[in-house]
Amino acid sequence: MNNSSSGQDPLLLLVEDEQDTADLVTLIMKERGYQVLHAADGSVALEKVALMPPPSLVMLDIQLPHIDGITILETIRATPDWENVPVIMLTAVADQDKIKKVRALTVQDYVLKPFRQETLLRSVDQSRTTSARPQ
């Protein structure tokens, strides 16, 4: 049900409000062969979840304008066709309670910013081999 089976480049939905981080992730992921669709705030991200077919991967920040990333993750997991889309949290939030909460909502990985490119790509590679499942 994701774009990678259709013969075109896999699609990444990147939900990130910091433009520098979004630009860096976009560059890294385009080099990896992904099409990148960027949402700069939570409201736009929820519109994308409601209106577009599920992507191959979602990278999601927690601290976002308008609607936080945890709410977006809950919506993704409750949306038909999106419930098994791999999600990588890409955030500066190191709060253990929030980490436990998002892991319970079945994320593939939790990458702290600032991140190293190798760490991000390792998470992406791991997300390709796993579906959304509790960790």
N, C-alpha and C. Protein backbone atom coordinates (compact mmCIF):
# COMPACT_ATOMS: atom_id res chain seq x y z
N MET A 1 0.79 -1.20 0.00
CA MET A 1 0.00 0.00 0.00
C MET A 1 0.83 1.26 0.00
N ASN A 2 2.15 1.13 0.04
CA ASN A 2 2.94 2.35 -0.01
C ASN A 2 3.54 2.53 -1.39
N ASN A 3 4.12 3.67 -1.60
CA ASN A 3 4.59 4.06 -2.92
C ASN A 3 5.74 3.22 -3.45
N SER A 4 6.44 2.51 -2.58
CA SER A 4 7.61 1.78 -3.05
C SER A 4 7.24 0.60 -3.93
N SER A 5 6.01 0.13 -3.85
CA SER A 5 5.62 -1.01 -4.67
C SER A 5 5.12 -0.60 -6.05
N SER A 6 5.00 0.69 -6.31
CA SER A 6 4.45 1.15 -7.57
C SER A 6 5.50 1.41 -8.63
N GLY A 7 6.77 1.15 -8.34
CA GLY A 7 7.82 1.33 -9.32
C GLY A 7 8.43 2.72 -9.31
N GLN A 8 7.86 3.64 -8.57
CA GLN A 8 8.45 4.97 -8.48
C GLN A 8 9.26 5.08 -7.18
N ASP A 9 9.99 6.19 -7.04
CA ASP A 9 10.78 6.38 -5.83
C ASP A 9 9.87 6.35 -4.62
N PRO A 10 10.34 5.77 -3.52
CA PRO A 10 9.52 5.77 -2.30
C PRO A 10 9.31 7.20 -1.82
N LEU A 11 8.16 7.42 -1.18
CA LEU A 11 7.79 8.75 -0.71
C LEU A 11 7.98 8.85 0.80
N LEU A 12 8.63 9.92 1.23
CA LEU A 12 8.81 10.24 2.64
C LEU A 12 7.97 11.46 2.97
N LEU A 13 7.14 11.35 4.00
CA LEU A 13 6.47 12.52 4.56
C LEU A 13 7.33 12.99 5.72
N LEU A 14 7.91 14.16 5.60
CA LEU A 14 8.77 14.75 6.61
C LEU A 14 8.00 15.85 7.32
N VAL A 15 7.78 15.68 8.62
CA VAL A 15 7.06 16.67 9.41
C VAL A 15 8.07 17.31 10.36
N GLU A 16 8.51 18.49 9.98
CA GLU A 16 9.62 19.17 10.68
C GLU A 16 9.45 20.67 10.53
N ASP A 17 9.45 21.40 11.65
CA ASP A 17 9.25 22.85 11.60
C ASP A 17 10.54 23.64 11.44
N GLU A 18 11.67 23.05 11.74
CA GLU A 18 12.94 23.75 11.59
C GLU A 18 13.42 23.60 10.14
N GLN A 19 13.47 24.70 9.41
CA GLN A 19 13.76 24.64 7.98
C GLN A 19 15.15 24.08 7.69
N ASP A 20 16.15 24.43 8.51
CA ASP A 20 17.50 23.89 8.27
C ASP A 20 17.52 22.37 8.40
N THR A 21 16.84 21.85 9.41
CA THR A 21 16.76 20.40 9.58
C THR A 21 16.00 19.77 8.43
N ALA A 22 14.90 20.38 8.03
CA ALA A 22 14.11 19.85 6.92
C ALA A 22 14.93 19.83 5.63
N ASP A 23 15.70 20.88 5.39
CA ASP A 23 16.54 20.93 4.19
C ASP A 23 17.60 19.83 4.22
N LEU A 24 18.22 19.63 5.37
CA LEU A 24 19.26 18.60 5.50
C LEU A 24 18.67 17.20 5.30
N VAL A 25 17.57 16.91 5.96
CA VAL A 25 16.94 15.59 5.81
C VAL A 25 16.50 15.38 4.37
N THR A 26 15.94 16.41 3.76
CA THR A 26 15.51 16.30 2.36
C THR A 26 16.69 15.95 1.46
N LEU A 27 17.80 16.62 1.65
CA LEU A 27 19.00 16.34 0.85
C LEU A 27 19.46 14.90 1.05
N ILE A 28 19.56 14.48 2.30
CA ILE A 28 20.01 13.12 2.61
C ILE A 28 19.07 12.09 1.98
N MET A 29 17.78 12.31 2.13
CA MET A 29 16.82 11.30 1.67
C MET A 29 16.67 11.30 0.14
N LYS A 30 16.82 12.44 -0.49
CA LYS A 30 16.80 12.46 -1.96
C LYS A 30 18.00 11.70 -2.51
N GLU A 31 19.16 11.85 -1.86
CA GLU A 31 20.33 11.08 -2.27
C GLU A 31 20.10 9.58 -2.10
N ARG A 32 19.25 9.22 -1.17
CA ARG A 32 18.90 7.82 -0.90
C ARG A 32 17.79 7.32 -1.82
N GLY A 33 17.27 8.21 -2.69
CA GLY A 33 16.27 7.79 -3.67
C GLY A 33 14.83 8.06 -3.30
N TYR A 34 14.60 8.85 -2.26
CA TYR A 34 13.24 9.16 -1.83
C TYR A 34 12.74 10.44 -2.46
N GLN A 35 11.44 10.48 -2.71
CA GLN A 35 10.74 11.74 -2.94
C GLN A 35 10.39 12.24 -1.55
N VAL A 36 10.54 13.54 -1.31
CA VAL A 36 10.27 14.07 0.02
C VAL A 36 9.15 15.10 -0.07
N LEU A 37 8.13 14.88 0.76
CA LEU A 37 7.03 15.82 0.91
C LEU A 37 7.15 16.40 2.31
N HIS A 38 7.29 17.73 2.41
CA HIS A 38 7.56 18.38 3.69
C HIS A 38 6.31 19.06 4.22
N ALA A 39 6.02 18.84 5.49
CA ALA A 39 4.99 19.58 6.21
C ALA A 39 5.68 20.30 7.36
N ALA A 40 5.53 21.62 7.43
CA ALA A 40 6.26 22.42 8.41
C ALA A 40 5.53 22.60 9.73
N ASP A 41 4.29 22.12 9.83
CA ASP A 41 3.59 22.20 11.11
C ASP A 41 2.58 21.06 11.21
N GLY A 42 2.06 20.90 12.41
CA GLY A 42 1.16 19.79 12.68
C GLY A 42 -0.15 19.84 11.91
N SER A 43 -0.69 21.03 11.70
CA SER A 43 -1.95 21.14 10.96
C SER A 43 -1.79 20.66 9.53
N VAL A 44 -0.72 21.08 8.88
CA VAL A 44 -0.46 20.65 7.50
C VAL A 44 -0.24 19.14 7.46
N ALA A 45 0.47 18.62 8.45
CA ALA A 45 0.71 17.18 8.50
C ALA A 45 -0.59 16.40 8.59
N LEU A 46 -1.51 16.85 9.44
CA LEU A 46 -2.80 16.15 9.56
C LEU A 46 -3.61 16.23 8.28
N GLU A 47 -3.52 17.34 7.57
CA GLU A 47 -4.18 17.45 6.26
C GLU A 47 -3.62 16.41 5.30
N LYS A 48 -2.31 16.24 5.31
CA LYS A 48 -1.66 15.25 4.42
C LYS A 48 -2.15 13.84 4.77
N VAL A 49 -2.21 13.52 6.06
CA VAL A 49 -2.66 12.19 6.48
C VAL A 49 -4.10 11.96 6.01
N ALA A 50 -4.92 12.99 6.08
CA ALA A 50 -6.33 12.85 5.70
C ALA A 50 -6.53 12.74 4.19
N LEU A 51 -5.65 13.37 3.42
CA LEU A 51 -5.93 13.53 1.99
C LEU A 51 -5.05 12.71 1.05
N MET A 52 -3.87 12.31 1.47
CA MET A 52 -2.97 11.65 0.53
C MET A 52 -2.89 10.15 0.81
N PRO A 53 -2.49 9.38 -0.20
CA PRO A 53 -2.25 7.96 0.06
C PRO A 53 -1.05 7.81 0.99
N PRO A 54 -0.96 6.71 1.71
CA PRO A 54 0.14 6.55 2.66
C PRO A 54 1.49 6.54 1.97
N PRO A 55 2.48 7.19 2.58
CA PRO A 55 3.84 7.19 2.04
C PRO A 55 4.57 5.91 2.44
N SER A 56 5.78 5.77 2.00
CA SER A 56 6.63 4.64 2.38
C SER A 56 7.17 4.81 3.79
N LEU A 57 7.34 6.07 4.23
CA LEU A 57 7.96 6.37 5.50
C LEU A 57 7.52 7.75 5.97
N VAL A 58 7.39 7.90 7.30
CA VAL A 58 7.14 9.21 7.90
C VAL A 58 8.28 9.50 8.86
N MET A 59 8.83 10.72 8.80
CA MET A 59 9.74 11.22 9.82
C MET A 59 9.01 12.36 10.50
N LEU A 60 8.96 12.29 11.83
CA LEU A 60 8.05 13.15 12.58
C LEU A 60 8.74 13.75 13.79
N ASP A 61 8.67 15.08 13.89
CA ASP A 61 9.14 15.79 15.07
C ASP A 61 8.03 15.76 16.11
N ILE A 62 8.38 15.94 17.38
CA ILE A 62 7.35 16.02 18.43
C ILE A 62 6.90 17.46 18.63
N GLN A 63 7.86 18.37 18.74
CA GLN A 63 7.53 19.76 19.00
C GLN A 63 7.28 20.47 17.68
N LEU A 64 5.99 20.73 17.42
CA LEU A 64 5.57 21.36 16.17
C LEU A 64 4.58 22.47 16.46
N PRO A 65 4.50 23.47 15.58
CA PRO A 65 3.44 24.47 15.72
C PRO A 65 2.06 23.82 15.50
N HIS A 66 1.08 24.32 16.21
CA HIS A 66 -0.34 23.98 16.07
C HIS A 66 -0.73 22.64 16.67
N ILE A 67 -0.14 21.54 16.23
CA ILE A 67 -0.49 20.21 16.70
C ILE A 67 0.81 19.44 16.90
N ASP A 68 0.97 18.81 18.06
CA ASP A 68 2.23 18.14 18.34
C ASP A 68 2.35 16.80 17.62
N GLY A 69 3.58 16.32 17.56
CA GLY A 69 3.87 15.09 16.84
C GLY A 69 3.24 13.85 17.43
N ILE A 70 3.02 13.83 18.74
CA ILE A 70 2.38 12.67 19.35
C ILE A 70 0.94 12.56 18.88
N THR A 71 0.24 13.68 18.79
CA THR A 71 -1.13 13.68 18.27
C THR A 71 -1.15 13.21 16.81
N ILE A 72 -0.18 13.66 16.03
CA ILE A 72 -0.09 13.23 14.63
C ILE A 72 0.16 11.73 14.56
N LEU A 73 1.06 11.24 15.39
CA LEU A 73 1.35 9.80 15.41
C LEU A 73 0.11 9.00 15.79
N GLU A 74 -0.64 9.46 16.78
CA GLU A 74 -1.89 8.78 17.16
C GLU A 74 -2.86 8.75 15.99
N THR A 75 -2.94 9.86 15.25
CA THR A 75 -3.83 9.92 14.08
C THR A 75 -3.36 8.96 12.99
N ILE A 76 -2.06 8.92 12.74
CA ILE A 76 -1.52 7.99 11.74
C ILE A 76 -1.90 6.56 12.10
N ARG A 77 -1.72 6.18 13.34
CA ARG A 77 -2.00 4.81 13.76
C ARG A 77 -3.49 4.47 13.73
N ALA A 78 -4.35 5.50 13.75
CA ALA A 78 -5.80 5.29 13.72
C ALA A 78 -6.39 5.44 12.32
N THR A 79 -5.57 5.77 11.33
CA THR A 79 -6.05 6.03 9.97
C THR A 79 -5.89 4.80 9.09
N PRO A 80 -6.99 4.30 8.51
CA PRO A 80 -6.88 3.14 7.63
C PRO A 80 -5.84 3.39 6.53
N ASP A 81 -5.10 2.37 6.21
CA ASP A 81 -4.01 2.37 5.23
C ASP A 81 -2.73 3.02 5.74
N TRP A 82 -2.81 3.82 6.78
CA TRP A 82 -1.63 4.46 7.36
C TRP A 82 -1.14 3.74 8.60
N GLU A 83 -1.95 2.88 9.19
CA GLU A 83 -1.64 2.32 10.51
C GLU A 83 -0.33 1.55 10.56
N ASN A 84 0.13 1.02 9.43
CA ASN A 84 1.38 0.26 9.40
C ASN A 84 2.53 0.98 8.71
N VAL A 85 2.36 2.25 8.39
CA VAL A 85 3.44 3.02 7.78
C VAL A 85 4.56 3.18 8.80
N PRO A 86 5.80 2.87 8.43
CA PRO A 86 6.91 3.08 9.36
C PRO A 86 7.06 4.56 9.70
N VAL A 87 7.26 4.82 11.00
CA VAL A 87 7.45 6.19 11.48
C VAL A 87 8.75 6.24 12.27
N ILE A 88 9.57 7.20 11.93
CA ILE A 88 10.79 7.50 12.68
C ILE A 88 10.58 8.85 13.34
N MET A 89 10.67 8.88 14.66
CA MET A 89 10.61 10.15 15.38
C MET A 89 11.98 10.79 15.24
N LEU A 90 12.00 12.04 14.82
CA LEU A 90 13.24 12.80 14.63
C LEU A 90 13.06 14.08 15.44
N THR A 91 13.59 14.09 16.65
CA THR A 91 13.22 15.15 17.58
C THR A 91 14.33 15.45 18.58
N ALA A 92 14.25 16.62 19.17
CA ALA A 92 15.19 17.00 20.22
C ALA A 92 14.64 16.63 21.60
N VAL A 93 13.42 16.11 21.66
CA VAL A 93 12.78 15.77 22.93
C VAL A 93 13.38 14.47 23.45
N ALA A 94 14.07 14.57 24.59
CA ALA A 94 14.72 13.40 25.19
C ALA A 94 14.00 12.93 26.44
N ASP A 95 12.80 13.44 26.68
CA ASP A 95 12.01 13.09 27.86
C ASP A 95 11.61 11.61 27.80
N GLN A 96 12.00 10.86 28.82
CA GLN A 96 11.78 9.40 28.82
C GLN A 96 10.29 9.03 28.77
N ASP A 97 9.42 9.81 29.40
CA ASP A 97 7.99 9.51 29.35
C ASP A 97 7.44 9.65 27.93
N LYS A 98 7.90 10.68 27.22
CA LYS A 98 7.45 10.86 25.83
C LYS A 98 8.02 9.77 24.94
N ILE A 99 9.26 9.38 25.18
CA ILE A 99 9.86 8.30 24.39
C ILE A 99 9.06 7.01 24.60
N LYS A 100 8.71 6.70 25.83
CA LYS A 100 7.90 5.50 26.11
C LYS A 100 6.55 5.58 25.42
N LYS A 101 5.95 6.76 25.46
CA LYS A 101 4.62 6.93 24.84
C LYS A 101 4.67 6.70 23.33
N VAL A 102 5.65 7.28 22.65
CA VAL A 102 5.70 7.11 21.19
C VAL A 102 6.11 5.68 20.82
N ARG A 103 6.95 5.06 21.61
CA ARG A 103 7.31 3.66 21.33
C ARG A 103 6.09 2.76 21.48
N ALA A 104 5.22 3.08 22.44
CA ALA A 104 3.98 2.31 22.60
C ALA A 104 3.05 2.50 21.40
N LEU A 105 3.22 3.60 20.69
CA LEU A 105 2.43 3.86 19.48
C LEU A 105 3.11 3.31 18.23
N THR A 106 4.05 2.45 18.42
CA THR A 106 4.73 1.70 17.35
C THR A 106 5.49 2.58 16.37
N VAL A 107 6.57 3.16 16.86
CA VAL A 107 7.50 3.82 15.95
C VAL A 107 8.67 2.88 15.70
N GLN A 108 9.29 3.03 14.53
CA GLN A 108 10.43 2.19 14.20
C GLN A 108 11.68 2.62 14.93
N ASP A 109 11.83 3.93 15.14
CA ASP A 109 13.02 4.40 15.83
C ASP A 109 12.75 5.79 16.38
N TYR A 110 13.63 6.22 17.28
CA TYR A 110 13.55 7.51 17.93
C TYR A 110 14.94 8.12 17.81
N VAL A 111 15.11 9.03 16.87
CA VAL A 111 16.41 9.63 16.59
C VAL A 111 16.44 11.04 17.18
N LEU A 112 17.43 11.26 18.05
CA LEU A 112 17.55 12.56 18.69
C LEU A 112 18.33 13.54 17.82
N LYS A 113 17.84 14.80 17.78
CA LYS A 113 18.56 15.88 17.13
C LYS A 113 19.46 16.54 18.16
N PRO A 114 20.62 17.00 17.76
CA PRO A 114 21.19 16.86 16.42
C PRO A 114 21.59 15.41 16.18
N PHE A 115 21.47 15.00 14.94
CA PHE A 115 21.72 13.61 14.58
C PHE A 115 22.89 13.52 13.63
N ARG A 116 23.47 12.34 13.55
CA ARG A 116 24.50 12.07 12.54
C ARG A 116 23.81 11.42 11.35
N GLN A 117 24.28 11.73 10.16
CA GLN A 117 23.69 11.17 8.94
C GLN A 117 23.66 9.64 9.00
N GLU A 118 24.73 9.04 9.50
CA GLU A 118 24.80 7.58 9.56
C GLU A 118 23.69 7.01 10.46
N THR A 119 23.42 7.70 11.55
CA THR A 119 22.36 7.26 12.48
C THR A 119 21.00 7.33 11.79
N LEU A 120 20.76 8.41 11.10
CA LEU A 120 19.48 8.57 10.40
C LEU A 120 19.32 7.50 9.33
N LEU A 121 20.34 7.28 8.54
CA LEU A 121 20.24 6.29 7.46
C LEU A 121 20.11 4.87 8.00
N ARG A 122 20.75 4.58 9.12
CA ARG A 122 20.58 3.27 9.74
C ARG A 122 19.12 3.06 10.15
N SER A 123 18.49 4.10 10.70
CA SER A 123 17.08 4.02 11.07
C SER A 123 16.19 3.81 9.85
N VAL A 124 16.50 4.51 8.77
CA VAL A 124 15.74 4.36 7.53
C VAL A 124 15.87 2.93 7.01
N ASP A 125 17.10 2.42 6.99
CA ASP A 125 17.31 1.05 6.51
C ASP A 125 16.56 0.04 7.37
N GLN A 126 16.58 0.24 8.69
CA GLN A 126 15.86 -0.67 9.59
C GLN A 126 14.36 -0.57 9.39
N SER A 127 13.85 0.60 9.07
CA SER A 127 12.41 0.76 8.88
C SER A 127 11.92 0.02 7.65
N ARG A 128 12.81 -0.19 6.68
CA ARG A 128 12.43 -0.93 5.47
C ARG A 128 12.22 -2.41 5.75
N THR A 129 12.86 -2.91 6.79
CA THR A 129 12.79 -4.34 7.07
C THR A 129 11.79 -4.69 8.15
N THR A 130 11.17 -3.65 8.75
CA THR A 130 10.17 -3.90 9.78
C THR A 130 8.92 -3.15 9.45
N SER A 131 7.79 -3.67 9.90
CA SER A 131 6.54 -2.93 9.78
C SER A 131 6.26 -2.30 11.13
N ALA A 132 5.22 -1.49 11.18
CA ALA A 132 4.87 -0.85 12.44
C ALA A 132 4.45 -1.93 13.43
N ARG A 133 5.16 -1.98 14.54
CA ARG A 133 4.85 -2.96 15.57
C ARG A 133 5.38 -2.47 16.90
N PRO A 134 4.81 -2.92 17.98
CA PRO A 134 5.33 -2.49 19.28
C PRO A 134 6.78 -2.90 19.46
N GLN A 135 7.54 -2.08 20.16
CA GLN A 135 8.94 -2.37 20.43
C GLN A 135 9.18 -2.60 21.89
